[in-house]
């Protein structure tokens, strides 16, 4: 019995040593980074409650491009504007692969536009951009839908009669309603129970991504998928959202007019009908459900969170709020709703909106990318399929690109004569393709 135990222990040690040797051997031309442990990688060296901060600290030791191992997954991390821009813009094709973010991507199983790759990603992205861009042609424009929802939101705020209130769900419902109007063709009343449930699920699903249990799942998906626990909560929320979307699609299929699509789902259903004889088509029921889910998830929480940060910053900096008020009164007045055309006459407001997005930094890390082929980058060789994490927070707070980056200053987006001025180091929703 002792001989068997000793043999098993010896085999285990040999396996671990082989894994360690293989990992070191593969690192030959990769960017530098901390030495990983077998199976665990660098997971124990990271703060699970603030992984982004841990990665930023590693930058100080290893430079703007370095390698870490999250469990068995090898990841190249990009820090600072120049490194992120060189990868995602200058070498966009090589870095265009979509990586896995297991706590999210397992819900999509490679479907939808956000986590798809290759031809599926190209077809769905092209269709989605074209459909959303052309939505004003012969139909109610997106601008009209936003104006209508803004009025509904103002009415809801008036009902508080100046009393303190929590703005989270009012802002979330307003943004979600605009997406509903585009995707489903109609908005919901703020008190609609199904609509309230949908928004709570989206809010809960988004918050789950930052929890320690989600970080553990991202590092060890194969093991934790088989073990019950709180790391499955996010996926359960996703399944509820998917059910809601699937029910709506069935309702719209029953009343669809192929010659007069009224919304995004209608347009997708028409495309499915047009390509039903094409064996290579990516316009399937699964991709419809997941692309719709992508639109809801990407739009609702990111925009509503940005709005909340915007209100908070304007409360903290009343002098900025006052300048915006003055510009609104001068450019728009108080007798009509704002339009997209007003933007060119409101440089300070435009600059403030950009600075809110930079300063709030609500997406400190882009969705994971992968390299589509063996890629030379800054003297290193990154093997095909390697995950790449661009840290957008290091772009927005890059001291080489932004003077006093820790300060909230809309003026950084203004020229000397007061016109709006673009900043290169501005990537609130990533860059490239």
Protein backbone atom coordinates (compact mmCIF):
# COMPACT_ATOMS: atom_id res chain seq x y z
CA UNK A 1 0.00 0.00 0.00
CA UNK A 2 2.86 2.37 0.91
CA UNK A 3 4.60 1.53 -2.38
CA UNK A 4 1.41 2.41 -4.33
CA UNK A 5 1.05 5.71 -2.45
CA UNK A 6 4.70 6.58 -3.05
CA UNK A 7 4.32 5.77 -6.76
CA UNK A 8 1.24 8.00 -7.06
CA UNK A 9 3.05 10.83 -5.28
CA UNK A 10 6.04 10.44 -7.59
CA UNK A 11 3.78 10.52 -10.67
CA UNK A 12 2.04 13.65 -9.41
CA UNK A 13 5.39 15.39 -8.80
CA UNK A 14 6.56 14.44 -12.29
CA UNK A 15 3.36 15.84 -13.83
CA UNK A 16 3.70 19.11 -11.93
CA UNK A 17 7.37 19.44 -12.88
CA UNK A 18 6.52 18.72 -16.52
CA UNK A 19 3.81 21.39 -16.48
CA UNK A 20 6.21 23.87 -14.90
CA UNK A 21 8.90 23.07 -17.49
CA UNK A 22 6.43 23.36 -20.34
CA UNK A 23 5.22 26.72 -19.06
CA UNK A 24 8.76 28.08 -18.75
CA UNK A 25 9.69 26.69 -22.17
CA UNK A 26 6.72 28.42 -23.81
CA UNK A 27 7.70 31.75 -22.24
CA UNK A 28 10.88 32.02 -24.33
CA UNK A 29 9.75 34.93 -26.53
CA UNK A 30 6.69 36.05 -24.55
CA UNK A 31 6.69 39.35 -22.66
CA UNK A 32 8.15 39.07 -19.14
CA UNK A 33 6.03 38.37 -16.09
CA UNK A 34 5.89 36.59 -12.75
CA UNK A 35 6.70 32.87 -12.78
CA UNK A 36 3.45 30.85 -12.65
CA UNK A 37 2.73 27.93 -10.37
CA UNK A 38 1.59 24.66 -12.01
CA UNK A 39 -2.22 24.61 -12.46
CA UNK A 40 -2.72 27.78 -10.35
CA UNK A 41 -0.70 30.12 -12.55
CA UNK A 42 -0.31 33.55 -10.91
CA UNK A 43 -3.74 33.48 -9.30
CA UNK A 44 -2.42 33.54 -5.73
CA UNK A 45 -0.37 36.65 -6.54
CA UNK A 46 -3.43 38.68 -7.52
CA UNK A 47 -5.95 40.40 -5.29
CA UNK A 48 -9.20 38.63 -6.18
CA UNK A 49 -11.24 41.64 -5.00
CA UNK A 50 -9.33 44.03 -7.30
CA UNK A 51 -7.60 42.17 -10.12
CA UNK A 52 -7.17 45.35 -12.18
CA UNK A 53 -5.17 47.02 -9.40
CA UNK A 54 -2.98 43.93 -9.07
CA UNK A 55 -2.24 43.98 -12.80
CA UNK A 56 -1.40 47.70 -12.65
CA UNK A 57 1.09 46.95 -9.88
CA UNK A 58 2.75 44.25 -12.01
CA UNK A 59 3.21 46.88 -14.70
CA UNK A 60 5.56 48.78 -12.40
CA UNK A 61 7.88 45.78 -12.28
CA UNK A 62 7.55 44.27 -15.76
CA UNK A 63 6.68 47.26 -17.97
CA UNK A 64 3.67 48.12 -20.16
CA UNK A 65 3.48 44.67 -21.81
CA UNK A 66 3.74 41.59 -19.62
CA UNK A 67 2.48 38.03 -19.25
CA UNK A 68 0.43 36.49 -16.45
CA UNK A 69 -1.24 33.11 -16.08
CA UNK A 70 -4.80 32.98 -14.76
CA UNK A 71 -5.05 29.33 -13.86
CA UNK A 72 -3.86 27.55 -17.00
CA UNK A 73 -4.76 30.49 -19.29
CA UNK A 74 -1.83 32.53 -20.57
CA UNK A 75 -2.64 36.25 -20.83
CA UNK A 76 -0.64 39.14 -22.27
CA UNK A 77 -1.58 42.40 -20.52
CA UNK A 78 -1.32 45.78 -22.29
CA UNK A 79 -0.91 48.99 -20.27
CA UNK A 80 -0.79 52.61 -21.36
CA UNK A 81 -2.07 54.34 -24.48
CA UNK A 82 0.88 53.54 -26.75
CA UNK A 83 0.87 49.79 -26.08
CA UNK A 84 -2.93 49.49 -26.39
CA UNK A 85 -3.01 51.60 -29.55
CA UNK A 86 -0.14 49.68 -31.20
CA UNK A 87 -2.00 46.41 -30.61
CA UNK A 88 -5.67 47.24 -31.16
CA UNK A 89 -5.26 49.91 -33.87
CA UNK A 90 -1.88 49.51 -35.59
CA UNK A 91 -2.06 45.70 -35.55
CA UNK A 92 -5.82 45.47 -35.44
CA UNK A 93 -6.14 42.36 -37.60
CA UNK A 94 -3.71 40.29 -35.54
CA UNK A 95 -5.38 41.29 -32.25
CA UNK A 96 -8.98 41.04 -33.53
CA UNK A 97 -9.80 37.62 -32.06
CA UNK A 98 -12.45 37.49 -29.32
CA UNK A 99 -11.21 35.87 -26.14
CA UNK A 100 -13.10 33.93 -23.53
CA UNK A 101 -14.33 35.55 -20.35
CA UNK A 102 -15.73 32.31 -18.88
CA UNK A 103 -18.07 33.91 -16.32
CA UNK A 104 -19.85 35.57 -19.31
CA UNK A 105 -18.97 33.68 -22.45
CA UNK A 106 -20.30 30.35 -21.21
CA UNK A 107 -23.81 31.85 -21.41
CA UNK A 108 -23.35 32.61 -25.11
CA UNK A 109 -21.54 29.44 -26.23
CA UNK A 110 -19.87 31.31 -29.10
CA UNK A 111 -23.13 32.84 -30.40
CA UNK A 112 -24.02 36.52 -30.69
CA UNK A 113 -21.75 39.34 -31.79
CA UNK A 114 -19.78 39.98 -28.56
CA UNK A 115 -18.06 36.60 -28.08
CA UNK A 116 -18.12 35.23 -31.63
CA UNK A 117 -15.06 34.83 -33.83
CA UNK A 118 -14.22 34.51 -37.51
CA UNK A 119 -16.93 34.63 -40.14
CA UNK A 120 -19.74 34.51 -37.57
CA UNK A 121 -18.41 37.64 -35.90
CA UNK A 122 -17.93 39.43 -39.24
CA UNK A 123 -21.45 38.67 -40.50
CA UNK A 124 -23.21 39.58 -37.25
CA UNK A 125 -21.14 42.72 -36.67
CA UNK A 126 -21.74 43.98 -40.22
CA UNK A 127 -25.47 43.32 -39.99
CA UNK A 128 -25.84 44.89 -36.54
CA UNK A 129 -23.94 48.06 -37.42
CA UNK A 130 -25.77 48.50 -40.72
CA UNK A 131 -29.20 47.87 -39.20
CA UNK A 132 -28.68 50.24 -36.28
CA UNK A 133 -27.10 52.92 -38.50
CA UNK A 134 -29.96 52.83 -40.98
CA UNK A 135 -32.73 52.84 -38.42
CA UNK A 136 -33.77 56.40 -39.25
CA UNK A 137 -34.61 55.57 -42.86
CA UNK A 138 -38.37 55.33 -43.26
CA UNK A 139 -38.85 54.57 -39.57
CA UNK A 140 -38.67 56.48 -36.30
CA UNK A 141 -35.07 57.49 -35.81
CA UNK A 142 -33.03 56.56 -32.78
CA UNK A 143 -32.85 60.28 -31.97
CA UNK A 144 -36.65 60.48 -31.73
CA UNK A 145 -36.75 57.47 -29.44
CA UNK A 146 -34.14 59.05 -27.16
CA UNK A 147 -36.05 62.34 -27.05
CA UNK A 148 -39.28 60.55 -26.13
CA UNK A 149 -37.62 58.54 -23.39
CA UNK A 150 -35.86 61.60 -21.99
CA UNK A 151 -39.24 63.26 -21.53
CA UNK A 152 -40.58 60.16 -19.77
CA UNK A 153 -37.56 60.15 -17.46
CA UNK A 154 -38.02 63.84 -16.63
CA UNK A 155 -41.66 63.15 -15.71
CA UNK A 156 -40.56 60.34 -13.39
CA UNK A 157 -38.04 62.62 -11.72
CA UNK A 158 -40.68 65.32 -11.26
CA UNK A 159 -42.83 62.84 -9.35
CA UNK A 160 -40.22 62.77 -6.57
CA UNK A 161 -41.13 66.42 -5.82
CA UNK A 162 -37.61 67.20 -4.70
CA UNK A 163 -37.43 64.37 -2.16
CA UNK A 164 -34.28 62.17 -2.00
CA UNK A 165 -34.45 59.08 -4.21
CA UNK A 166 -32.24 56.34 -5.59
CA UNK A 167 -31.64 57.08 -9.31
CA UNK A 168 -30.22 53.66 -10.21
CA UNK A 169 -33.32 52.01 -11.59
CA UNK A 170 -34.89 55.14 -13.11
CA UNK A 171 -31.78 55.71 -15.22
CA UNK A 172 -31.46 52.01 -16.01
CA UNK A 173 -35.08 51.79 -17.16
CA UNK A 174 -34.75 54.86 -19.35
CA UNK A 175 -31.69 53.47 -21.14
CA UNK A 176 -33.18 49.99 -21.34
CA UNK A 177 -36.38 51.41 -22.84
CA UNK A 178 -34.45 53.00 -25.70
CA UNK A 179 -32.88 49.62 -26.46
CA UNK A 180 -36.32 47.96 -26.16
CA UNK A 181 -37.73 50.48 -28.62
CA UNK A 182 -35.01 49.69 -31.14
CA UNK A 183 -34.94 45.92 -30.61
CA UNK A 184 -38.63 45.16 -29.90
CA UNK A 185 -40.29 48.21 -31.46
CA UNK A 186 -41.91 49.53 -28.28
CA UNK A 187 -41.03 50.92 -24.88
CA UNK A 188 -42.37 49.68 -21.51
CA UNK A 189 -44.07 51.56 -18.73
CA UNK A 190 -41.65 52.03 -15.83
CA UNK A 191 -44.03 50.10 -13.57
CA UNK A 192 -44.38 47.10 -15.89
CA UNK A 193 -43.49 44.09 -13.72
CA UNK A 194 -41.73 42.12 -16.48
CA UNK A 195 -39.73 45.19 -17.44
CA UNK A 196 -38.72 45.82 -13.82
CA UNK A 197 -37.63 42.19 -13.48
CA UNK A 198 -35.60 42.39 -16.70
CA UNK A 199 -33.70 45.45 -15.49
CA UNK A 200 -33.01 43.95 -12.08
CA UNK A 201 -31.63 40.82 -13.76
CA UNK A 202 -29.35 42.90 -16.02
CA UNK A 203 -28.15 44.92 -13.02
CA UNK A 204 -27.50 41.77 -10.98
CA UNK A 205 -25.74 40.03 -13.89
CA UNK A 206 -23.44 43.00 -14.46
CA UNK A 207 -22.53 43.30 -10.76
CA UNK A 208 -21.74 39.58 -10.53
CA UNK A 209 -18.82 40.03 -12.95
CA UNK A 210 -16.87 41.97 -10.34
CA UNK A 211 -17.30 39.49 -7.50
CA UNK A 212 -14.51 37.22 -6.25
CA UNK A 213 -16.56 34.15 -7.19
CA UNK A 214 -16.61 35.32 -10.82
CA UNK A 215 -12.84 35.88 -10.80
CA UNK A 216 -12.34 32.35 -9.47
CA UNK A 217 -14.59 30.96 -12.20
CA UNK A 218 -12.67 32.86 -14.88
CA UNK A 219 -9.41 31.29 -13.69
CA UNK A 220 -10.69 27.73 -13.16
CA UNK A 221 -13.83 27.28 -15.30
CA UNK A 222 -13.36 23.57 -15.97
CA UNK A 223 -13.27 22.71 -12.26
CA UNK A 224 -15.83 25.17 -10.90
CA UNK A 225 -18.41 24.41 -13.59
CA UNK A 226 -18.87 21.01 -11.94
CA UNK A 227 -19.10 22.38 -8.38
CA UNK A 228 -22.26 24.08 -7.03
CA UNK A 229 -21.84 27.51 -5.49
CA UNK A 230 -22.35 31.29 -5.89
CA UNK A 231 -20.26 31.35 -9.08
CA UNK A 232 -23.35 30.04 -10.92
CA UNK A 233 -25.60 32.96 -9.90
CA UNK A 234 -24.64 35.10 -12.91
CA UNK A 235 -25.45 32.33 -15.36
CA UNK A 236 -28.88 31.83 -13.77
CA UNK A 237 -29.61 35.55 -14.32
CA UNK A 238 -28.54 35.18 -17.96
CA UNK A 239 -30.93 32.27 -18.49
CA UNK A 240 -33.83 34.39 -17.21
CA UNK A 241 -32.90 37.23 -19.57
CA UNK A 242 -32.61 34.78 -22.47
CA UNK A 243 -36.09 33.42 -21.70
CA UNK A 244 -37.54 36.95 -21.76
CA UNK A 245 -35.92 37.68 -25.12
CA UNK A 246 -36.99 34.33 -26.60
CA UNK A 247 -40.63 34.98 -25.64
CA UNK A 248 -40.54 38.39 -27.32
CA UNK A 249 -39.04 36.91 -30.49
CA UNK A 250 -41.86 34.35 -30.69
CA UNK A 251 -44.46 37.12 -30.37
CA UNK A 252 -42.82 39.09 -33.18
CA UNK A 253 -42.49 36.07 -35.45
CA UNK A 254 -46.26 35.63 -35.28
CA UNK A 255 -46.93 39.15 -36.60
CA UNK A 256 -43.90 39.65 -38.86
CA UNK A 257 -44.38 41.44 -42.19
CA UNK A 258 -41.36 40.47 -44.29
CA UNK A 259 -41.82 43.58 -46.44
CA UNK A 260 -41.99 46.05 -43.55
CA UNK A 261 -39.63 45.21 -40.67
CA UNK A 262 -40.18 47.58 -37.76
CA UNK A 263 -37.25 46.90 -35.44
CA UNK A 264 -33.95 45.05 -35.04
CA UNK A 265 -35.54 41.65 -34.38
CA UNK A 266 -37.80 42.01 -37.42
CA UNK A 267 -34.78 42.84 -39.59
CA UNK A 268 -32.91 39.78 -38.28
CA UNK A 269 -35.92 37.53 -38.90
CA UNK A 270 -36.15 38.86 -42.47
CA UNK A 271 -32.45 38.11 -42.96
CA UNK A 272 -33.00 34.58 -41.62
CA UNK A 273 -35.75 34.07 -44.18
CA UNK A 274 -33.58 35.42 -47.01
CA UNK A 275 -30.69 33.10 -46.12
CA UNK A 276 -32.57 29.95 -45.11
CA UNK A 277 -31.14 28.09 -48.13
CA UNK A 278 -27.59 29.21 -47.39
CA UNK A 279 -25.75 26.45 -45.45
CA UNK A 280 -23.02 28.92 -44.39
CA UNK A 281 -25.38 31.52 -42.96
CA UNK A 282 -24.88 32.80 -39.43
CA UNK A 283 -28.43 34.15 -39.21
CA UNK A 284 -29.90 31.55 -36.89
CA UNK A 285 -32.32 31.65 -33.93
CA UNK A 286 -29.41 31.19 -31.50
CA UNK A 287 -27.51 34.13 -32.93
CA UNK A 288 -30.65 36.28 -32.89
CA UNK A 289 -31.27 35.62 -29.20
CA UNK A 290 -27.64 36.13 -28.20
CA UNK A 291 -27.07 39.24 -30.34
CA UNK A 292 -30.18 40.79 -28.78
CA UNK A 293 -28.84 39.85 -25.35
CA UNK A 294 -25.51 41.51 -26.29
CA UNK A 295 -27.29 44.74 -27.23
CA UNK A 296 -29.20 44.82 -23.94
CA UNK A 297 -26.26 43.95 -21.77
CA UNK A 298 -23.69 46.17 -23.48
CA UNK A 299 -26.04 49.15 -23.67
CA UNK A 300 -28.11 49.23 -20.51
CA UNK A 301 -25.55 48.98 -17.72
CA UNK A 302 -22.65 50.81 -19.37
CA UNK A 303 -24.73 53.86 -20.32
CA UNK A 304 -26.82 54.03 -17.13
CA UNK A 305 -23.67 53.68 -15.00
CA UNK A 306 -22.03 56.50 -17.00
CA UNK A 307 -25.11 58.68 -16.40
CA UNK A 308 -24.97 58.00 -12.66
CA UNK A 309 -21.31 58.96 -12.54
CA UNK A 310 -22.14 62.05 -14.59
CA UNK A 311 -24.76 63.25 -12.10
CA UNK A 312 -22.41 62.54 -9.21
CA UNK A 313 -19.57 64.51 -10.80
CA UNK A 314 -21.83 67.47 -11.62
CA UNK A 315 -22.96 67.54 -8.00
CA UNK A 316 -19.34 67.51 -6.85
CA UNK A 317 -18.28 70.20 -9.34
CA UNK A 318 -21.10 72.81 -9.39
CA UNK A 319 -18.97 75.22 -11.44
CA UNK A 320 -18.99 72.69 -14.29
CA UNK A 321 -22.74 72.25 -13.91
CA UNK A 322 -23.24 76.01 -14.11
CA UNK A 323 -21.24 76.32 -17.34
CA UNK A 324 -23.31 73.53 -18.91
CA UNK A 325 -26.52 75.30 -17.88
CA UNK A 326 -25.33 78.49 -19.51
CA UNK A 327 -24.42 76.70 -22.72
CA UNK A 328 -27.77 74.88 -22.83
CA UNK A 329 -29.67 78.17 -22.39
CA UNK A 330 -27.61 79.83 -25.12
CA UNK A 331 -27.69 77.00 -27.69
CA UNK A 332 -31.10 75.39 -27.06
CA UNK A 333 -33.17 77.54 -24.76
CA UNK A 334 -35.93 76.12 -22.60
CA UNK A 335 -38.73 75.66 -25.11
CA UNK A 336 -37.57 72.61 -27.09
CA UNK A 337 -35.78 69.30 -26.74
CA UNK A 338 -32.08 69.04 -27.66
CA UNK A 339 -31.11 67.42 -30.97
CA UNK A 340 -27.94 65.87 -32.34
CA UNK A 341 -27.40 69.01 -34.44
CA UNK A 342 -26.99 71.06 -31.24
CA UNK A 343 -23.81 69.19 -30.36
CA UNK A 344 -21.63 71.32 -32.62
CA UNK A 345 -22.78 74.47 -30.81
CA UNK A 346 -22.09 73.06 -27.34
CA UNK A 347 -18.34 72.37 -27.09
CA UNK A 348 -18.17 72.64 -23.29
CA UNK A 349 -21.02 70.18 -22.78
CA UNK A 350 -19.44 67.83 -25.32
CA UNK A 351 -16.09 68.11 -23.51
CA UNK A 352 -17.75 67.42 -20.15
CA UNK A 353 -19.44 64.27 -21.47
CA UNK A 354 -16.09 63.00 -22.76
CA UNK A 355 -14.36 63.81 -19.48
CA UNK A 356 -17.10 61.98 -17.54
CA UNK A 357 -16.43 58.88 -19.62
CA UNK A 358 -12.66 59.18 -19.19
CA UNK A 359 -12.76 59.92 -15.48
CA UNK A 360 -15.47 57.41 -14.47
CA UNK A 361 -13.55 54.62 -16.26
CA UNK A 362 -16.50 52.22 -15.99
CA UNK A 363 -14.82 49.58 -18.17
CA UNK A 364 -11.26 49.48 -16.78
CA UNK A 365 -10.50 46.45 -18.94
CA UNK A 366 -11.69 45.77 -22.47
CA UNK A 367 -13.32 42.45 -23.28
CA UNK A 368 -10.53 39.90 -23.80
CA UNK A 369 -8.94 39.70 -27.23
CA UNK A 370 -6.88 36.89 -28.73
CA UNK A 371 -4.21 37.01 -31.41
CA UNK A 372 -5.40 35.39 -34.63
CA UNK A 373 -1.92 34.20 -35.62
CA UNK A 374 1.60 34.04 -34.17
CA UNK A 375 2.26 37.75 -33.74
CA UNK A 376 5.41 39.82 -33.41
CA UNK A 377 4.78 42.67 -30.99
CA UNK A 378 7.39 44.99 -29.49
CA UNK A 379 10.11 42.41 -30.03
CA UNK A 380 8.14 39.54 -28.48
CA UNK A 381 6.43 36.59 -30.16
CA UNK A 382 2.86 36.04 -28.98
CA UNK A 383 1.55 32.58 -30.00
CA UNK A 384 -1.75 32.29 -31.86
CA UNK A 385 -4.72 32.02 -29.53
CA UNK A 386 -3.04 33.80 -26.62
CA UNK A 387 -5.47 35.95 -24.63
CA UNK A 388 -4.80 39.70 -24.51
CA UNK A 389 -6.16 42.02 -21.82
CA UNK A 390 -6.00 45.74 -22.76
CA UNK A 391 -6.27 47.77 -19.53
CA UNK A 392 -8.32 50.80 -20.58
CA UNK A 393 -7.91 52.43 -17.17
CA UNK A 394 -4.18 52.82 -17.91
CA UNK A 395 -5.13 54.61 -21.15
CA UNK A 396 -7.48 57.09 -19.48
CA UNK A 397 -5.07 57.81 -16.63
CA UNK A 398 -1.88 57.73 -18.66
CA UNK A 399 0.23 60.70 -17.41
CA UNK A 400 2.09 60.84 -20.73
CA UNK A 401 -1.20 61.54 -22.54
CA UNK A 402 -3.27 63.42 -19.94
CA UNK A 403 -2.00 66.29 -17.81
CA UNK A 404 -3.05 65.69 -14.18
CA UNK A 405 -5.08 62.57 -15.11
CA UNK A 406 -6.46 62.19 -11.56
CA UNK A 407 -8.24 65.56 -11.87
CA UNK A 408 -11.72 65.98 -13.35
CA UNK A 409 -11.16 68.64 -16.02
CA UNK A 410 -13.46 69.01 -19.06
CA UNK A 411 -11.02 71.62 -20.38
CA UNK A 412 -8.64 68.86 -21.49
CA UNK A 413 -11.09 68.25 -24.37
CA UNK A 414 -11.13 71.93 -25.41
CA UNK A 415 -8.71 73.84 -27.63
CA UNK A 416 -7.28 77.22 -26.70
CA UNK A 417 -10.14 78.97 -28.53
CA UNK A 418 -12.83 76.92 -26.76
CA UNK A 419 -13.62 74.43 -29.55
CA UNK A 420 -14.00 70.74 -28.84
CA UNK A 421 -10.69 68.88 -29.17
CA UNK A 422 -10.32 65.13 -29.52
CA UNK A 423 -7.90 63.23 -27.30
CA UNK A 424 -6.11 60.19 -28.67
CA UNK A 425 -6.03 58.45 -25.29
CA UNK A 426 -9.81 58.11 -25.08
CA UNK A 427 -11.16 54.55 -25.38
CA UNK A 428 -14.19 54.21 -23.08
CA UNK A 429 -15.43 51.14 -24.99
CA UNK A 430 -12.08 49.87 -26.33
CA UNK A 431 -10.70 50.40 -29.85
CA UNK A 432 -9.86 48.56 -33.05
CA UNK A 433 -12.10 45.87 -34.55
